Amino acid sequence: MPMVTRRWSVAVLFIVGLGACYVTPAPGPGTAVVPGPVTANLAVTNQSSGTVCYINVSACAETNWGPDILGTEVLPPGQSAVVTVHHGCWDLRAQDCDQNTLATQMGMQVSGDTTWLLH
């Protein structure tokens, strides 16, 4: 029985650690939530001529990109997706369906509802 308890504790610590660093997919297309004490909506609006297939959001202190928040959805030109993040500094990356980077925004300070316009 101690082995089961230890595995469960490690799994919980791993999940809690990931939750503090990455945006995790939530129900609904284009919507994700990052746990934190104060949250804001970060709208990503595609004003480019191409379709966005991947959007990664990571805390500025992270060295790796967070997971794709669009999942199986895509963001065609003229459309928006909303991410709920806690207030702070965020790095953002949008990629096309071939994983070519279309835009990045490093060091975006979010302290209230904010929009990232992709051109």
N, C-alpha and C. Protein backbone atom coordinates (compact mmCIF):
# COMPACT_ATOMS: atom_id res chain seq x y z
N MET A 1 0.80 -1.21 0.00
CA MET A 1 0.00 0.00 0.00
C MET A 1 0.84 1.28 0.00
N PRO A 2 2.00 1.34 0.65
CA PRO A 2 2.80 2.55 0.61
C PRO A 2 3.23 2.91 -0.81
N MET A 3 3.47 1.91 -1.68
CA MET A 3 3.88 2.18 -3.05
C MET A 3 2.78 2.93 -3.80
N VAL A 4 1.52 2.55 -3.61
CA VAL A 4 0.39 3.21 -4.26
C VAL A 4 0.31 4.65 -3.79
N THR A 5 0.46 4.88 -2.49
CA THR A 5 0.40 6.23 -1.94
C THR A 5 1.53 7.08 -2.51
N ARG A 6 2.73 6.55 -2.61
CA ARG A 6 3.86 7.29 -3.14
C ARG A 6 3.62 7.65 -4.60
N ARG A 7 3.14 6.71 -5.41
CA ARG A 7 2.85 7.01 -6.81
C ARG A 7 1.83 8.12 -6.92
N TRP A 8 0.78 8.04 -6.12
CA TRP A 8 -0.27 9.07 -6.15
C TRP A 8 0.31 10.42 -5.78
N SER A 9 1.17 10.49 -4.78
CA SER A 9 1.78 11.75 -4.37
C SER A 9 2.66 12.32 -5.47
N VAL A 10 3.43 11.49 -6.12
CA VAL A 10 4.28 11.95 -7.21
C VAL A 10 3.41 12.46 -8.36
N ALA A 11 2.34 11.75 -8.67
CA ALA A 11 1.44 12.18 -9.74
C ALA A 11 0.81 13.52 -9.41
N VAL A 12 0.38 13.70 -8.18
CA VAL A 12 -0.23 14.97 -7.77
C VAL A 12 0.79 16.09 -7.85
N LEU A 13 2.00 15.88 -7.37
CA LEU A 13 3.04 16.91 -7.45
C LEU A 13 3.35 17.27 -8.89
N PHE A 14 3.42 16.27 -9.77
CA PHE A 14 3.69 16.51 -11.18
C PHE A 14 2.58 17.35 -11.81
N ILE A 15 1.33 16.99 -11.55
CA ILE A 15 0.19 17.71 -12.10
C ILE A 15 0.14 19.12 -11.55
N VAL A 16 0.34 19.30 -10.26
CA VAL A 16 0.33 20.63 -9.67
C VAL A 16 1.45 21.47 -10.26
N GLY A 17 2.62 20.90 -10.44
CA GLY A 17 3.74 21.62 -11.04
C GLY A 17 3.44 22.07 -12.45
N LEU A 18 2.84 21.21 -13.25
CA LEU A 18 2.47 21.59 -14.61
C LEU A 18 1.42 22.67 -14.62
N GLY A 19 0.46 22.58 -13.73
CA GLY A 19 -0.61 23.57 -13.67
C GLY A 19 -0.09 24.96 -13.37
N ALA A 20 0.99 25.05 -12.64
CA ALA A 20 1.56 26.36 -12.31
C ALA A 20 2.32 26.96 -13.48
N CYS A 21 2.72 26.14 -14.46
CA CYS A 21 3.59 26.63 -15.53
C CYS A 21 2.91 26.74 -16.88
N TYR A 22 1.92 25.95 -17.15
CA TYR A 22 1.38 25.85 -18.49
C TYR A 22 -0.10 26.14 -18.55
N VAL A 23 -0.52 26.57 -19.72
CA VAL A 23 -1.95 26.69 -20.01
C VAL A 23 -2.46 25.30 -20.29
N THR A 24 -3.55 24.91 -19.64
CA THR A 24 -4.09 23.58 -19.85
C THR A 24 -5.41 23.68 -20.59
N PRO A 25 -5.66 22.79 -21.54
CA PRO A 25 -6.91 22.86 -22.29
C PRO A 25 -8.11 22.73 -21.38
N ALA A 26 -9.15 23.48 -21.68
CA ALA A 26 -10.40 23.44 -20.94
C ALA A 26 -11.51 23.13 -21.94
N PRO A 27 -12.68 22.76 -21.45
CA PRO A 27 -13.77 22.46 -22.36
C PRO A 27 -14.08 23.65 -23.27
N GLY A 28 -14.40 23.37 -24.50
CA GLY A 28 -14.77 24.41 -25.43
C GLY A 28 -13.60 24.78 -26.33
N PRO A 29 -13.89 25.05 -27.59
CA PRO A 29 -12.83 25.37 -28.53
C PRO A 29 -12.16 26.70 -28.21
N GLY A 30 -10.83 26.70 -28.26
CA GLY A 30 -10.08 27.94 -28.11
C GLY A 30 -10.11 28.54 -26.72
N THR A 31 -10.44 27.75 -25.71
CA THR A 31 -10.52 28.28 -24.35
C THR A 31 -9.63 27.46 -23.45
N ALA A 32 -8.83 28.13 -22.62
CA ALA A 32 -7.97 27.45 -21.67
C ALA A 32 -7.91 28.26 -20.39
N VAL A 33 -7.52 27.61 -19.31
CA VAL A 33 -7.45 28.28 -18.01
C VAL A 33 -6.11 27.98 -17.36
N VAL A 34 -5.47 29.01 -16.84
CA VAL A 34 -4.27 28.84 -16.04
C VAL A 34 -4.64 29.21 -14.62
N PRO A 35 -4.44 28.29 -13.65
CA PRO A 35 -4.81 28.61 -12.29
C PRO A 35 -3.99 29.77 -11.74
N GLY A 36 -4.62 30.61 -10.96
CA GLY A 36 -3.94 31.75 -10.36
C GLY A 36 -4.93 32.57 -9.56
N PRO A 37 -4.45 33.43 -8.71
CA PRO A 37 -5.34 34.18 -7.83
C PRO A 37 -6.20 35.20 -8.55
N VAL A 38 -5.67 35.90 -9.55
CA VAL A 38 -6.43 36.91 -10.29
C VAL A 38 -6.30 36.60 -11.76
N THR A 39 -7.42 36.50 -12.45
CA THR A 39 -7.38 36.10 -13.85
C THR A 39 -7.89 37.21 -14.76
N ALA A 40 -7.53 37.09 -16.03
CA ALA A 40 -7.98 38.01 -17.06
C ALA A 40 -8.16 37.22 -18.35
N ASN A 41 -8.99 37.73 -19.23
CA ASN A 41 -9.16 37.12 -20.54
C ASN A 41 -8.13 37.68 -21.50
N LEU A 42 -7.45 36.78 -22.19
CA LEU A 42 -6.50 37.17 -23.23
C LEU A 42 -7.10 36.70 -24.56
N ALA A 43 -7.58 37.65 -25.36
CA ALA A 43 -8.16 37.32 -26.66
C ALA A 43 -7.06 37.33 -27.71
N VAL A 44 -7.02 36.29 -28.53
CA VAL A 44 -6.07 36.22 -29.64
C VAL A 44 -6.90 36.37 -30.91
N THR A 45 -6.67 37.46 -31.65
CA THR A 45 -7.45 37.75 -32.85
C THR A 45 -6.56 37.61 -34.08
N ASN A 46 -6.98 36.76 -35.00
CA ASN A 46 -6.21 36.50 -36.21
C ASN A 46 -6.60 37.50 -37.29
N GLN A 47 -5.77 38.54 -37.46
CA GLN A 47 -5.98 39.52 -38.52
C GLN A 47 -5.03 39.28 -39.69
N SER A 48 -4.40 38.11 -39.71
CA SER A 48 -3.50 37.76 -40.81
C SER A 48 -4.31 37.14 -41.94
N SER A 49 -3.64 36.82 -43.03
CA SER A 49 -4.32 36.19 -44.16
C SER A 49 -4.28 34.67 -44.08
N GLY A 50 -3.56 34.12 -43.07
CA GLY A 50 -3.43 32.67 -42.94
C GLY A 50 -4.18 32.12 -41.75
N THR A 51 -4.38 30.82 -41.78
CA THR A 51 -5.05 30.12 -40.68
C THR A 51 -4.04 29.76 -39.61
N VAL A 52 -4.39 30.03 -38.36
CA VAL A 52 -3.56 29.66 -37.22
C VAL A 52 -4.04 28.30 -36.72
N CYS A 53 -3.12 27.35 -36.62
CA CYS A 53 -3.47 26.01 -36.15
C CYS A 53 -2.95 25.73 -34.75
N TYR A 54 -1.95 26.48 -34.32
CA TYR A 54 -1.35 26.27 -32.99
C TYR A 54 -1.11 27.60 -32.31
N ILE A 55 -1.51 27.69 -31.06
CA ILE A 55 -1.17 28.84 -30.22
C ILE A 55 -0.60 28.30 -28.92
N ASN A 56 0.61 28.75 -28.61
CA ASN A 56 1.28 28.35 -27.36
C ASN A 56 1.39 29.57 -26.46
N VAL A 57 1.11 29.38 -25.18
CA VAL A 57 1.20 30.43 -24.19
C VAL A 57 2.04 29.89 -23.03
N SER A 58 3.08 30.64 -22.67
CA SER A 58 3.96 30.24 -21.57
C SER A 58 4.24 31.44 -20.68
N ALA A 59 4.41 31.17 -19.41
CA ALA A 59 4.84 32.23 -18.50
C ALA A 59 6.22 32.70 -18.94
N CYS A 60 6.50 34.00 -18.80
CA CYS A 60 7.78 34.57 -19.26
C CYS A 60 8.98 33.87 -18.65
N ALA A 61 8.85 33.37 -17.45
CA ALA A 61 9.98 32.72 -16.78
C ALA A 61 10.28 31.33 -17.33
N GLU A 62 9.39 30.77 -18.13
CA GLU A 62 9.57 29.42 -18.67
C GLU A 62 10.52 29.44 -19.86
N THR A 63 11.27 28.38 -20.03
CA THR A 63 12.18 28.27 -21.17
C THR A 63 11.58 27.45 -22.31
N ASN A 64 10.48 26.77 -22.07
CA ASN A 64 9.80 25.97 -23.09
C ASN A 64 8.39 26.50 -23.30
N TRP A 65 7.90 26.29 -24.52
CA TRP A 65 6.53 26.70 -24.83
C TRP A 65 5.53 25.79 -24.13
N GLY A 66 4.43 26.35 -23.71
CA GLY A 66 3.33 25.57 -23.16
C GLY A 66 2.63 24.83 -24.28
N PRO A 67 1.67 23.98 -23.93
CA PRO A 67 0.98 23.18 -24.95
C PRO A 67 0.11 24.05 -25.86
N ASP A 68 -0.26 23.50 -26.99
CA ASP A 68 -1.16 24.17 -27.93
C ASP A 68 -2.52 24.33 -27.27
N ILE A 69 -3.05 25.54 -27.25
CA ILE A 69 -4.35 25.78 -26.61
C ILE A 69 -5.53 25.60 -27.56
N LEU A 70 -5.27 25.48 -28.86
CA LEU A 70 -6.37 25.31 -29.80
C LEU A 70 -6.83 23.86 -29.92
N GLY A 71 -5.97 22.94 -29.55
CA GLY A 71 -6.36 21.52 -29.66
C GLY A 71 -6.64 21.17 -31.12
N THR A 72 -7.82 20.65 -31.39
CA THR A 72 -8.18 20.26 -32.75
C THR A 72 -8.80 21.42 -33.53
N GLU A 73 -9.03 22.54 -32.88
CA GLU A 73 -9.63 23.71 -33.54
C GLU A 73 -8.56 24.49 -34.29
N VAL A 74 -8.97 25.33 -35.23
CA VAL A 74 -8.09 26.25 -35.92
C VAL A 74 -8.67 27.66 -35.79
N LEU A 75 -7.83 28.65 -36.06
CA LEU A 75 -8.25 30.05 -35.96
C LEU A 75 -8.10 30.70 -37.34
N PRO A 76 -9.20 30.70 -38.13
CA PRO A 76 -9.14 31.29 -39.47
C PRO A 76 -8.98 32.81 -39.39
N PRO A 77 -8.59 33.43 -40.50
CA PRO A 77 -8.51 34.89 -40.53
C PRO A 77 -9.82 35.53 -40.07
N GLY A 78 -9.70 36.57 -39.24
CA GLY A 78 -10.88 37.29 -38.76
C GLY A 78 -11.51 36.70 -37.51
N GLN A 79 -11.04 35.56 -37.04
CA GLN A 79 -11.62 34.91 -35.87
C GLN A 79 -10.76 35.14 -34.62
N SER A 80 -11.35 34.90 -33.45
CA SER A 80 -10.64 35.07 -32.17
C SER A 80 -10.80 33.84 -31.31
N ALA A 81 -9.84 33.65 -30.42
CA ALA A 81 -9.91 32.63 -29.38
C ALA A 81 -9.59 33.34 -28.07
N VAL A 82 -10.16 32.86 -26.98
CA VAL A 82 -9.95 33.48 -25.68
C VAL A 82 -9.27 32.50 -24.74
N VAL A 83 -8.24 33.00 -24.05
CA VAL A 83 -7.50 32.23 -23.07
C VAL A 83 -7.65 32.97 -21.74
N THR A 84 -7.93 32.25 -20.68
CA THR A 84 -7.97 32.85 -19.36
C THR A 84 -6.64 32.59 -18.69
N VAL A 85 -5.94 33.66 -18.30
CA VAL A 85 -4.63 33.55 -17.67
C VAL A 85 -4.62 34.36 -16.39
N HIS A 86 -3.69 34.05 -15.50
CA HIS A 86 -3.56 34.90 -14.32
C HIS A 86 -2.72 36.11 -14.69
N HIS A 87 -2.88 37.17 -13.96
CA HIS A 87 -2.13 38.40 -14.22
C HIS A 87 -0.64 38.10 -14.16
N GLY A 88 0.11 38.69 -15.06
CA GLY A 88 1.55 38.48 -15.07
C GLY A 88 2.11 38.63 -16.46
N CYS A 89 3.27 38.08 -16.66
CA CYS A 89 4.01 38.18 -17.91
C CYS A 89 3.87 36.88 -18.71
N TRP A 90 3.52 37.01 -20.00
CA TRP A 90 3.28 35.84 -20.85
C TRP A 90 4.01 35.98 -22.18
N ASP A 91 4.50 34.85 -22.69
CA ASP A 91 5.05 34.76 -24.03
C ASP A 91 4.03 34.01 -24.88
N LEU A 92 3.80 34.47 -26.11
CA LEU A 92 2.79 33.89 -26.99
C LEU A 92 3.41 33.55 -28.34
N ARG A 93 2.95 32.44 -28.92
CA ARG A 93 3.41 32.06 -30.25
C ARG A 93 2.23 31.49 -31.04
N ALA A 94 2.10 31.93 -32.30
CA ALA A 94 1.08 31.41 -33.21
C ALA A 94 1.79 30.75 -34.39
N GLN A 95 1.30 29.55 -34.78
CA GLN A 95 1.89 28.82 -35.89
C GLN A 95 0.82 28.38 -36.87
N ASP A 96 1.21 28.24 -38.14
CA ASP A 96 0.29 27.71 -39.14
C ASP A 96 0.22 26.19 -39.01
N CYS A 97 -0.51 25.55 -39.91
CA CYS A 97 -0.72 24.10 -39.80
C CYS A 97 0.53 23.28 -40.12
N ASP A 98 1.55 23.91 -40.72
CA ASP A 98 2.83 23.24 -40.95
C ASP A 98 3.83 23.55 -39.84
N GLN A 99 3.35 24.18 -38.78
CA GLN A 99 4.13 24.58 -37.60
C GLN A 99 5.19 25.62 -37.91
N ASN A 100 4.92 26.45 -38.93
CA ASN A 100 5.76 27.62 -39.19
C ASN A 100 5.27 28.74 -38.28
N THR A 101 6.19 29.43 -37.62
CA THR A 101 5.79 30.50 -36.72
C THR A 101 5.29 31.69 -37.53
N LEU A 102 4.06 32.11 -37.22
CA LEU A 102 3.45 33.26 -37.88
C LEU A 102 3.70 34.53 -37.08
N ALA A 103 3.70 34.41 -35.75
CA ALA A 103 3.89 35.57 -34.89
C ALA A 103 4.30 35.12 -33.50
N THR A 104 5.08 35.95 -32.85
CA THR A 104 5.39 35.75 -31.43
C THR A 104 5.24 37.09 -30.72
N GLN A 105 4.88 37.01 -29.48
CA GLN A 105 4.81 38.19 -28.62
C GLN A 105 5.47 37.79 -27.31
N MET A 106 6.61 38.34 -27.05
CA MET A 106 7.35 38.01 -25.84
C MET A 106 7.12 39.09 -24.79
N GLY A 107 6.95 38.65 -23.55
CA GLY A 107 6.86 39.59 -22.45
C GLY A 107 5.57 40.40 -22.38
N MET A 108 4.45 39.84 -22.83
CA MET A 108 3.18 40.57 -22.76
C MET A 108 2.71 40.61 -21.31
N GLN A 109 2.56 41.83 -20.79
CA GLN A 109 2.08 42.02 -19.42
C GLN A 109 0.56 42.02 -19.44
N VAL A 110 -0.04 41.12 -18.68
CA VAL A 110 -1.50 41.02 -18.62
C VAL A 110 -1.93 41.34 -17.20
N SER A 111 -2.71 42.42 -17.06
CA SER A 111 -3.22 42.78 -15.74
C SER A 111 -4.72 43.04 -15.80
N GLY A 112 -5.31 42.80 -16.93
CA GLY A 112 -6.75 42.92 -17.17
C GLY A 112 -7.02 42.33 -18.54
N ASP A 113 -8.27 42.37 -18.98
CA ASP A 113 -8.60 41.80 -20.29
C ASP A 113 -7.72 42.45 -21.37
N THR A 114 -7.10 41.61 -22.19
CA THR A 114 -6.09 42.05 -23.16
C THR A 114 -6.34 41.34 -24.49
N THR A 115 -5.96 41.99 -25.59
CA THR A 115 -6.07 41.39 -26.92
C THR A 115 -4.71 41.36 -27.60
N TRP A 116 -4.38 40.21 -28.20
CA TRP A 116 -3.19 40.07 -29.03
C TRP A 116 -3.66 39.98 -30.46
N LEU A 117 -3.31 40.98 -31.28
CA LEU A 117 -3.71 41.02 -32.68
C LEU A 117 -2.59 40.40 -33.52
N LEU A 118 -2.91 39.37 -34.28
CA LEU A 118 -1.95 38.74 -35.18
C LEU A 118 -2.09 39.39 -36.54
N HIS A 119 -1.01 39.94 -37.07
CA HIS A 119 -1.03 40.60 -38.40
C HIS A 119 -0.26 39.78 -39.39
